[in-house]
Amino acid sequence: MRDSDWVIPPTTLAWLEAVPRERAVAMLIRHSVRADLAPNEVGYTLPITDDGHRLARELGTKLRGRLRAVHASPLLRTVQTGERLAEGAGLADEVSPDRMLGDPGVFVVDDRADATWRSLGHEGVMRRLVEGREILPGCADADAAARALAKHMLAASKRTPGIHAFVTHDSLITATCARLLGEPLTPADWPGYLEAAFFWEEGDGVHVRYRDRRRTLPEPLVDLTEAHVVALARREVGATLGLDCPARFFLAGGVFKTLLTGKPPRDLDIWAATPSDRALVEARLVERGAERLPERPYTQAFRMRGREIEVSLQTEPSVLEERLAGFDLALSSIGAEHSPTDQWRAVVHPLARASASKRQVLLLDELRNWKHALSSLVRLRRYAMELGFEARASDEQRLWALFDQQPPEMRHGMIERFRASASFDPVLAELASRRP
């Protein structure tokens, strides 16, 4: 096709007219026109053509007054497309790079995916992701990944009415739509340049639109089931330690708030099963480019790819269920166990699911680490603020009671333990008003 023959896909324009203007609408859109790729090539540095620039800018002008933000896969052609969309719409904000959209994208979890693509070819991988019957080497569970991406886009849209563009690649749109629409899309259904799928939340669920297909999915799209816990754990471990890490370890704690918020985790908490496993974990992080940070109380910290990774210095208990039983918040008592050769199992405390359904930050019935009650109080309040959940007054009172009922020397030790693991916090000011 000649450059002059390219047009904005009519389906994109039609849905832009049809989607509700009073809602935050995520537009998952393929990049604009590029030159042809060689077979099985990714084309990391391949730009869009002159006509690709023109078309994306033209689409942007049609979004004037409606385009709120642009996110893009870090590859050149997607970033260029995002820039032209923003330029045409008169949007001053920069394009936000988003690796959920590409390089590697939500359907890829580690480097083994390269060999999978070479072995099966682009169409072969696409067909299997669309079908979702198996988890390919280096790839994610397709159904869980599609749901995670939709949750992520809607969270990034922050309920701000208007169009929020997420510029990506044909494979990602096709696999996402196939899994969420529940239809076996064929190569004839793959998106053209600047063709888009649309997602928004309304009273009855999450609305999905692509070409002439539509579906409304009940919320939550992502929940605290074992499948979603393992899917998130594989994605985070694949990006840091690698799924071929030879150690046995647990990923647990706050990372799984992502399943409720759709926002990327800030840090990862890892517990190795044995001292030798901890040595393997730390060596693997250094080998993969992690920066070792100064040792902290109870943990060795690393920084890698926008994450802080804390590896516990303790390796007991060595059973995931026992480890989780020592936590304080129900929503922290969620974990995934990694065994060598990418084997996983997940454990979700029943109170964690109750906490999510009630939208309350619940304490576990038994607080084994009561000496850290002040830190638990901080976490209780922080989780409530981050999730928009209720922190029950009765739970705060329970934690303060644990502190108040101790003899003076024990309270002093609890305060010093809290100071060692926390920066300034309002809890410190509250302590001053309580009896010595």
Protein backbone atom coordinates (compact mmCIF):
# COMPACT_ATOMS: atom_id res chain seq x y z
CA MET A 1 0.00 0.00 0.00
CA ARG A 2 1.28 3.48 -0.85
CA ASP A 3 1.75 5.95 1.99
CA SER A 4 -0.92 8.17 0.50
CA ASP A 5 -3.46 5.32 0.81
CA TRP A 6 -3.27 5.05 4.61
CA VAL A 7 -6.23 6.39 6.61
CA ILE A 8 -7.29 6.38 10.24
CA PRO A 9 -9.29 3.15 10.74
CA PRO A 10 -13.04 3.83 10.63
CA THR A 11 -13.55 1.58 13.67
CA THR A 12 -11.32 3.83 15.77
CA LEU A 13 -13.26 6.92 14.73
CA ALA A 14 -16.62 5.23 15.25
CA TRP A 15 -15.84 4.11 18.78
CA LEU A 16 -14.40 7.52 19.67
CA GLU A 17 -17.83 8.91 18.86
CA ALA A 18 -19.65 6.16 20.74
CA VAL A 19 -17.75 5.89 24.04
CA PRO A 20 -19.15 7.87 26.99
CA ARG A 21 -17.62 11.32 27.37
CA GLU A 22 -18.30 11.47 31.09
CA ARG A 23 -16.12 8.40 31.76
CA ALA A 24 -12.39 7.74 31.87
CA VAL A 25 -11.87 5.67 28.71
CA ALA A 26 -8.66 3.72 28.08
CA MET A 27 -7.84 3.55 24.37
CA LEU A 28 -5.45 0.66 23.67
CA ILE A 29 -4.17 1.61 20.23
CA ARG A 30 -1.68 0.17 17.79
CA HIS A 31 1.16 2.44 16.68
CA SER A 32 0.99 4.32 13.39
CA VAL A 33 2.36 3.26 10.00
CA ARG A 34 5.90 1.82 9.92
CA ALA A 35 8.01 0.15 7.26
CA ASP A 36 7.75 -3.64 6.89
CA LEU A 37 9.56 -5.84 9.39
CA ALA A 38 11.77 -8.74 8.40
CA PRO A 39 10.29 -12.13 9.42
CA ASN A 40 10.40 -12.69 13.20
CA GLU A 41 12.10 -9.33 13.79
CA VAL A 42 10.94 -7.00 16.57
CA GLY A 43 12.36 -3.80 15.06
CA TYR A 44 13.24 -2.01 18.30
CA THR A 45 14.54 1.07 16.49
CA LEU A 46 12.17 1.03 13.52
CA PRO A 47 10.42 4.43 13.28
CA ILE A 48 7.03 5.29 11.88
CA THR A 49 7.00 6.66 8.34
CA ASP A 50 6.26 10.23 7.29
CA ASP A 51 2.69 9.19 6.65
CA GLY A 52 2.65 7.52 10.04
CA HIS A 53 3.52 10.86 11.63
CA ARG A 54 0.82 12.60 9.62
CA LEU A 55 -1.92 10.11 10.48
CA ALA A 56 -1.14 10.06 14.21
CA ARG A 57 -1.13 13.86 14.30
CA GLU A 58 -4.43 13.91 12.41
CA LEU A 59 -5.99 11.51 14.91
CA GLY A 60 -4.68 13.71 17.70
CA THR A 61 -6.51 16.73 16.28
CA LYS A 62 -9.74 14.75 16.49
CA LEU A 63 -9.02 14.24 20.20
CA ARG A 64 -8.56 17.92 21.04
CA GLY A 65 -10.25 18.68 24.32
CA ARG A 66 -10.64 14.96 25.11
CA LEU A 67 -7.14 13.47 25.27
CA ARG A 68 -5.98 13.46 28.90
CA ALA A 69 -2.74 11.44 28.83
CA VAL A 70 -0.58 9.30 26.56
CA HIS A 71 1.26 6.15 27.65
CA ALA A 72 3.40 4.12 25.25
CA SER A 73 5.56 1.06 24.89
CA PRO A 74 9.20 2.24 25.08
CA LEU A 75 9.91 1.22 21.45
CA LEU A 76 10.60 4.08 19.06
CA ARG A 77 7.54 3.69 16.83
CA THR A 78 5.10 3.64 19.75
CA VAL A 79 6.71 6.63 21.45
CA GLN A 80 6.66 8.57 18.16
CA THR A 81 2.99 7.72 17.69
CA GLY A 82 2.22 8.93 21.20
CA GLU A 83 4.09 12.17 20.60
CA ARG A 84 2.15 12.90 17.41
CA LEU A 85 -1.16 12.11 19.14
CA ALA A 86 -0.30 14.55 21.93
CA GLU A 87 0.93 17.15 19.44
CA GLY A 88 -2.24 16.98 17.40
CA ALA A 89 -4.41 17.18 20.51
CA GLY A 90 -2.46 20.12 21.92
CA LEU A 91 -1.50 18.11 24.99
CA ALA A 92 1.64 19.46 26.64
CA ASP A 93 2.33 16.44 28.85
CA GLU A 94 5.14 14.09 27.85
CA VAL A 95 4.47 10.53 26.75
CA SER A 96 4.80 8.15 29.72
CA PRO A 97 6.81 5.01 28.91
CA ASP A 98 5.04 1.85 30.06
CA ARG A 99 6.62 -1.60 29.85
CA MET A 100 3.24 -3.25 30.33
CA LEU A 101 2.63 -2.11 26.72
CA GLY A 102 5.86 -3.47 25.22
CA ASP A 103 9.56 -4.16 25.79
CA PRO A 104 8.61 -6.64 27.09
CA GLY A 105 4.83 -6.14 27.46
CA VAL A 106 2.38 -7.76 29.84
CA PHE A 107 2.41 -11.14 28.04
CA VAL A 108 6.20 -11.59 28.43
CA VAL A 109 7.76 -12.40 31.79
CA ASP A 110 11.40 -13.23 31.04
CA ASP A 111 14.08 -13.68 28.37
CA ARG A 112 12.96 -17.18 27.39
CA ALA A 113 10.19 -15.53 25.38
CA ASP A 114 12.78 -14.61 22.71
CA ALA A 115 13.43 -18.29 22.00
CA THR A 116 9.67 -18.95 22.02
CA TRP A 117 9.13 -16.28 19.34
CA ARG A 118 11.99 -17.63 17.22
CA SER A 119 10.68 -21.17 17.51
CA LEU A 120 6.98 -20.54 16.87
CA GLY A 121 7.11 -17.34 14.84
CA HIS A 122 4.97 -14.27 15.44
CA GLU A 123 1.75 -15.87 14.20
CA GLY A 124 2.36 -19.05 16.18
CA VAL A 125 2.84 -17.15 19.43
CA MET A 126 -0.17 -14.95 18.69
CA ARG A 127 -2.37 -17.97 18.06
CA ARG A 128 -1.41 -19.57 21.37
CA LEU A 129 -1.85 -16.36 23.35
CA VAL A 130 -5.27 -15.87 21.77
CA GLU A 131 -6.28 -19.43 22.66
CA GLY A 132 -4.83 -19.17 26.17
CA ARG A 133 -4.65 -22.95 26.59
CA GLU A 134 -1.03 -23.13 27.73
CA ILE A 135 1.61 -20.92 29.29
CA LEU A 136 4.46 -20.62 26.81
CA PRO A 137 8.09 -20.53 28.02
CA GLY A 138 8.93 -16.98 29.05
CA CYS A 139 5.31 -15.87 28.71
CA ALA A 140 2.51 -15.05 31.13
CA ASP A 141 -0.80 -16.75 31.73
CA ALA A 142 -2.68 -15.02 28.89
CA ASP A 143 -6.00 -14.61 30.68
CA ALA A 144 -4.47 -13.21 33.86
CA ALA A 145 -2.20 -10.91 31.83
CA ALA A 146 -5.08 -9.46 29.80
CA ARG A 147 -7.04 -8.73 32.95
CA ALA A 148 -3.99 -7.21 34.63
CA LEU A 149 -3.43 -4.89 31.67
CA ALA A 150 -7.03 -3.68 31.64
CA LYS A 151 -6.87 -3.10 35.41
CA HIS A 152 -3.57 -1.26 34.99
CA MET A 153 -4.89 1.05 32.26
CA LEU A 154 -8.04 1.92 34.19
CA ALA A 155 -5.98 2.61 37.31
CA ALA A 156 -3.63 4.88 35.33
CA SER A 157 -6.65 6.78 34.02
CA LYS A 158 -7.47 7.79 37.63
CA ARG A 159 -11.18 8.09 36.86
CA THR A 160 -10.48 11.35 35.00
CA PRO A 161 -13.14 11.69 32.26
CA GLY A 162 -11.73 11.71 28.74
CA ILE A 163 -9.54 9.56 26.50
CA HIS A 164 -6.37 8.01 27.92
CA ALA A 165 -4.21 6.62 25.10
CA PHE A 166 -2.05 3.50 25.57
CA VAL A 167 0.07 3.01 22.43
CA THR A 168 1.19 -0.56 21.86
CA HIS A 169 1.60 -3.37 19.29
CA ASP A 170 -0.75 -5.64 17.36
CA SER A 171 0.08 -8.77 19.35
CA LEU A 172 -0.78 -7.17 22.64
CA ILE A 173 -4.11 -5.75 21.44
CA THR A 174 -5.12 -9.03 19.81
CA ALA A 175 -4.30 -11.22 22.79
CA THR A 176 -5.89 -8.80 25.27
CA CYS A 177 -9.11 -8.50 23.28
CA ALA A 178 -9.34 -12.24 22.60
CA ARG A 179 -9.05 -13.10 26.29
CA LEU A 180 -11.39 -10.36 27.53
CA LEU A 181 -13.98 -10.74 24.78
CA GLY A 182 -13.85 -14.52 25.04
CA GLU A 183 -13.53 -14.89 21.26
CA PRO A 184 -10.88 -16.74 19.20
CA LEU A 185 -9.67 -13.83 17.07
CA THR A 186 -8.01 -14.82 13.78
CA PRO A 187 -5.31 -13.00 11.79
CA ALA A 188 -8.12 -11.20 9.95
CA ASP A 189 -9.08 -9.67 13.31
CA TRP A 190 -5.63 -8.27 14.10
CA PRO A 191 -5.61 -4.47 14.39
CA GLY A 192 -4.37 -2.22 11.63
CA TYR A 193 -2.24 0.84 12.25
CA LEU A 194 -3.98 3.20 14.73
CA GLU A 195 -6.78 0.71 15.29
CA ALA A 196 -7.89 0.61 18.90
CA ALA A 197 -9.82 -1.20 21.59
CA PHE A 198 -11.66 0.75 24.27
CA PHE A 199 -12.20 0.08 27.97
CA TRP A 200 -14.15 1.93 30.64
CA GLU A 201 -15.83 1.31 33.97
CA GLU A 202 -19.53 1.78 34.44
CA GLY A 203 -22.03 0.64 37.04
CA ASP A 204 -22.40 -2.87 35.69
CA GLY A 205 -18.71 -3.63 35.18
CA VAL A 206 -15.84 -3.05 32.75
CA HIS A 207 -16.90 -2.40 29.17
CA VAL A 208 -14.70 -3.76 26.37
CA ARG A 209 -15.12 -2.68 22.74
CA TYR A 210 -13.18 -3.76 19.66
CA ARG A 211 -14.43 -3.48 16.08
CA ASP A 212 -17.99 -4.86 16.13
CA ARG A 213 -17.42 -6.83 19.30
CA ARG A 214 -18.51 -5.79 22.75
CA ARG A 215 -18.61 -7.31 26.20
CA THR A 216 -19.13 -6.16 29.77
CA LEU A 217 -17.08 -7.98 32.39
CA PRO A 218 -18.07 -8.06 36.06
CA GLU A 219 -15.69 -6.48 38.52
CA PRO A 220 -13.21 -7.10 39.93
CA LEU A 221 -11.24 -7.96 36.81
CA VAL A 222 -8.37 -9.08 39.03
CA ASP A 223 -8.80 -10.61 42.46
CA LEU A 224 -6.98 -12.47 45.21
CA THR A 225 -7.25 -15.91 43.64
CA GLU A 226 -4.19 -18.15 43.53
CA ALA A 227 -3.98 -17.79 39.73
CA HIS A 228 -3.70 -14.00 39.88
CA VAL A 229 -1.27 -14.13 42.80
CA VAL A 230 1.04 -16.46 40.87
CA ALA A 231 0.69 -14.41 37.67
CA LEU A 232 1.80 -11.23 39.44
CA ALA A 233 4.62 -13.04 41.22
CA ARG A 234 5.92 -14.50 37.95
CA ARG A 235 5.86 -11.07 36.29
CA GLU A 236 7.79 -9.38 39.11
CA VAL A 237 10.29 -12.19 39.64
CA GLY A 238 10.82 -12.57 35.90
CA ALA A 239 11.79 -8.89 35.67
CA THR A 240 14.23 -9.09 38.59
CA LEU A 241 15.58 -12.46 39.68
CA GLY A 242 14.52 -14.32 36.55
CA LEU A 243 12.20 -17.31 36.60
CA ASP A 244 15.14 -19.67 36.20
CA CYS A 245 16.59 -18.60 39.56
CA PRO A 246 17.84 -21.81 41.25
CA ALA A 247 16.71 -20.74 44.73
CA ARG A 248 13.58 -21.57 46.69
CA PHE A 249 12.05 -18.40 48.09
CA PHE A 250 8.81 -16.63 48.97
CA LEU A 251 7.43 -13.38 47.59
CA ALA A 252 4.94 -11.97 50.08
CA GLY A 253 3.47 -8.84 51.59
CA GLY A 254 2.62 -5.49 50.04
CA VAL A 255 3.48 -6.39 46.44
CA PHE A 256 0.06 -8.01 46.09
CA LYS A 257 -1.74 -4.71 46.69
CA THR A 258 -1.20 -4.34 42.94
CA LEU A 259 -3.98 -6.89 42.43
CA LEU A 260 -6.37 -4.45 44.11
CA THR A 261 -5.05 -1.15 42.75
CA GLY A 262 -3.67 -1.95 39.29
CA LYS A 263 -0.66 0.23 40.15
CA PRO A 264 2.87 -1.20 39.83
CA PRO A 265 4.48 -2.26 43.11
CA ARG A 266 7.18 -0.04 44.58
CA ASP A 267 9.07 -2.78 46.35
CA LEU A 268 9.39 -6.53 46.62
CA ASP A 269 9.82 -8.45 49.87
CA ILE A 270 11.62 -11.77 49.49
CA TRP A 271 12.22 -14.47 52.07
CA ALA A 272 14.61 -17.28 51.18
CA ALA A 273 13.86 -20.76 52.50
CA THR A 274 17.44 -21.49 53.66
CA PRO A 275 20.72 -19.58 54.11
CA SER A 276 22.05 -21.13 50.90
CA ASP A 277 18.90 -20.03 49.06
CA ARG A 278 19.42 -16.48 50.37
CA ALA A 279 22.98 -16.51 49.05
CA LEU A 280 21.68 -17.64 45.64
CA VAL A 281 19.03 -14.89 45.62
CA GLU A 282 21.52 -12.14 46.46
CA ALA A 283 24.07 -13.43 43.95
CA ARG A 284 21.41 -13.59 41.21
CA LEU A 285 20.31 -10.00 41.87
CA VAL A 286 23.88 -8.73 41.63
CA GLU A 287 24.48 -10.81 38.50
CA ARG A 288 21.42 -9.23 36.85
CA GLY A 289 22.54 -5.69 37.60
CA ALA A 290 20.85 -4.86 40.89
CA GLU A 291 22.46 -2.16 43.03
CA ARG A 292 23.22 -3.32 46.56
CA LEU A 293 22.01 -0.76 49.11
CA PRO A 294 23.22 -0.29 52.69
CA GLU A 295 22.00 -3.07 54.94
CA ARG A 296 18.82 -2.26 56.86
CA PRO A 297 17.39 -3.71 60.06
CA TYR A 298 16.31 -7.26 59.24
CA THR A 299 16.92 -7.01 55.46
CA GLN A 300 19.49 -6.58 52.70
CA ALA A 301 18.09 -4.13 50.16
CA PHE A 302 18.71 -3.82 46.41
CA ARG A 303 17.51 -1.40 43.75
CA MET A 304 16.67 -2.71 40.28
CA ARG A 305 14.46 -1.55 37.39
CA GLY A 306 12.50 0.92 39.45
CA ARG A 307 11.95 -1.53 42.31
CA GLU A 308 13.43 -1.78 45.78
CA ILE A 309 13.95 -5.43 46.65
CA GLU A 310 14.35 -6.36 50.30
CA VAL A 311 15.75 -9.81 51.05
CA SER A 312 15.08 -10.89 54.62
CA LEU A 313 18.17 -11.79 56.63
CA GLN A 314 16.13 -14.45 58.41
CA THR A 315 15.37 -17.74 56.70
CA GLU A 316 13.04 -19.18 59.33
CA PRO A 317 10.34 -20.33 59.16
CA SER A 318 10.98 -22.17 55.91
CA VAL A 319 7.30 -22.93 55.19
CA LEU A 320 5.24 -20.25 53.44
CA GLU A 321 2.11 -20.74 55.57
CA GLU A 322 4.12 -20.32 58.77
CA ARG A 323 5.83 -17.25 57.37
CA LEU A 324 2.51 -15.61 56.51
CA ALA A 325 1.08 -16.44 59.94
CA GLY A 326 3.68 -14.13 61.45
CA PHE A 327 2.36 -11.09 59.58
CA ASP A 328 0.04 -8.49 61.06
CA LEU A 329 -2.36 -7.36 58.31
CA ALA A 330 -4.58 -9.82 56.48
CA LEU A 331 -3.71 -8.15 53.16
CA SER A 332 -0.02 -8.77 53.85
CA SER A 333 -0.72 -12.45 54.46
CA ILE A 334 -0.60 -13.31 50.76
CA GLY A 335 2.38 -15.08 49.27
CA ALA A 336 3.80 -17.08 46.40
CA GLU A 337 6.48 -19.73 46.68
CA HIS A 338 9.02 -20.12 43.88
CA SER A 339 10.86 -23.39 43.42
CA PRO A 340 13.57 -23.99 40.82
CA THR A 341 12.40 -24.54 37.20
CA ASP A 342 9.64 -21.91 37.49
CA GLN A 343 7.40 -23.93 39.80
CA TRP A 344 4.92 -21.93 41.88
CA ARG A 345 2.24 -22.21 44.48
CA ALA A 346 0.24 -19.46 46.19
CA VAL A 347 -1.26 -19.03 49.65
CA VAL A 348 -3.96 -16.45 50.39
CA HIS A 349 -5.17 -16.05 53.97
CA PRO A 350 -9.01 -16.20 54.13
CA LEU A 351 -9.06 -12.87 55.99
CA ALA A 352 -7.25 -11.27 53.04
CA ARG A 353 -10.21 -12.03 50.79
CA ALA A 354 -12.59 -10.80 53.49
CA SER A 355 -10.57 -7.61 53.77
CA ALA A 356 -10.85 -7.00 50.03
CA SER A 357 -14.58 -7.73 49.86
CA LYS A 358 -15.40 -5.56 52.90
CA ARG A 359 -12.94 -2.84 51.84
CA GLN A 360 -11.47 -2.87 55.34
CA VAL A 361 -7.83 -3.28 56.40
CA LEU A 362 -8.19 -6.18 58.83
CA LEU A 363 -5.71 -7.42 61.40
CA LEU A 364 -5.02 -11.13 61.72
CA ASP A 365 -6.70 -12.70 64.72
CA GLU A 366 -3.36 -13.70 66.25
CA LEU A 367 -0.59 -11.09 66.25
CA ARG A 368 2.55 -13.13 66.76
CA ASN A 369 4.90 -10.17 66.33
CA TRP A 370 3.13 -7.97 68.86
CA LYS A 371 6.45 -6.31 69.75
CA HIS A 372 6.13 -4.54 66.38
CA ALA A 373 2.62 -3.24 67.13
CA LEU A 374 3.65 0.36 66.39
CA SER A 375 4.88 -0.59 62.92
CA SER A 376 1.65 -2.52 62.42
CA LEU A 377 -0.29 0.63 63.25
CA VAL A 378 1.62 2.55 60.58
CA ARG A 379 0.99 -0.17 58.01
CA LEU A 380 -2.70 -0.31 58.91
CA ARG A 381 -3.10 3.40 58.23
CA ARG A 382 -0.95 3.37 55.11
CA TYR A 383 -2.85 0.49 53.53
CA ALA A 384 -6.14 2.23 54.27
CA MET A 385 -4.93 5.42 52.60
CA GLU A 386 -3.44 3.68 49.54
CA LEU A 387 -6.44 1.41 48.95
CA GLY A 388 -9.23 3.74 49.98
CA PHE A 389 -10.26 1.15 52.58
CA GLU A 390 -11.52 1.64 56.12
CA ALA A 391 -9.09 1.31 59.04
CA ARG A 392 -11.35 0.20 61.86
CA ALA A 393 -11.06 2.14 65.10
CA SER A 394 -11.30 -1.16 66.99
CA ASP A 395 -8.15 -2.44 65.25
CA GLU A 396 -6.23 0.74 66.06
CA GLN A 397 -7.37 0.44 69.68
CA ARG A 398 -6.26 -3.18 69.74
CA LEU A 399 -2.74 -2.21 68.65
CA TRP A 400 -2.51 0.66 71.13
CA ALA A 401 -3.74 -1.67 73.87
CA LEU A 402 -0.91 -4.10 73.09
CA PHE A 403 1.51 -1.24 73.62
CA ASP A 404 -0.15 0.31 76.68
CA GLN A 405 -0.42 -2.94 78.63
CA GLN A 406 3.34 -3.53 78.57
CA PRO A 407 5.64 -2.56 81.46
CA PRO A 408 7.69 0.63 80.93
CA GLU A 409 10.89 -1.15 79.89
CA MET A 410 9.02 -3.20 77.28
CA ARG A 411 7.28 -0.10 75.90
CA HIS A 412 10.67 1.59 75.66
CA GLY A 413 11.99 -1.38 73.67
CA MET A 414 8.97 -1.28 71.36
CA ILE A 415 9.57 2.42 70.71
CA GLU A 416 13.25 1.89 69.96
CA ARG A 417 12.42 -1.03 67.68
CA PHE A 418 9.95 1.20 65.84
CA ARG A 419 12.44 4.07 65.54
CA ALA A 420 15.01 1.71 64.03
CA SER A 421 12.70 0.68 61.20
CA ALA A 422 10.73 3.88 60.50
CA SER A 423 11.41 7.50 59.68
CA PHE A 424 9.33 10.24 61.29
CA ASP A 425 5.71 9.22 61.50
CA PRO A 426 2.66 10.72 63.24
CA VAL A 427 2.70 7.67 65.50
CA LEU A 428 5.83 9.08 67.16
CA ALA A 429 3.95 12.27 67.97
CA GLU A 430 1.04 10.25 69.35
CA LEU A 431 3.43 8.33 71.58
CA ALA A 432 4.44 11.56 73.29
CA SER A 433 0.86 12.08 74.44
CA ARG A 434 0.54 8.62 75.97
CA ARG A 435 1.63 7.67 79.47
CA PRO A 436 5.34 6.87 79.91
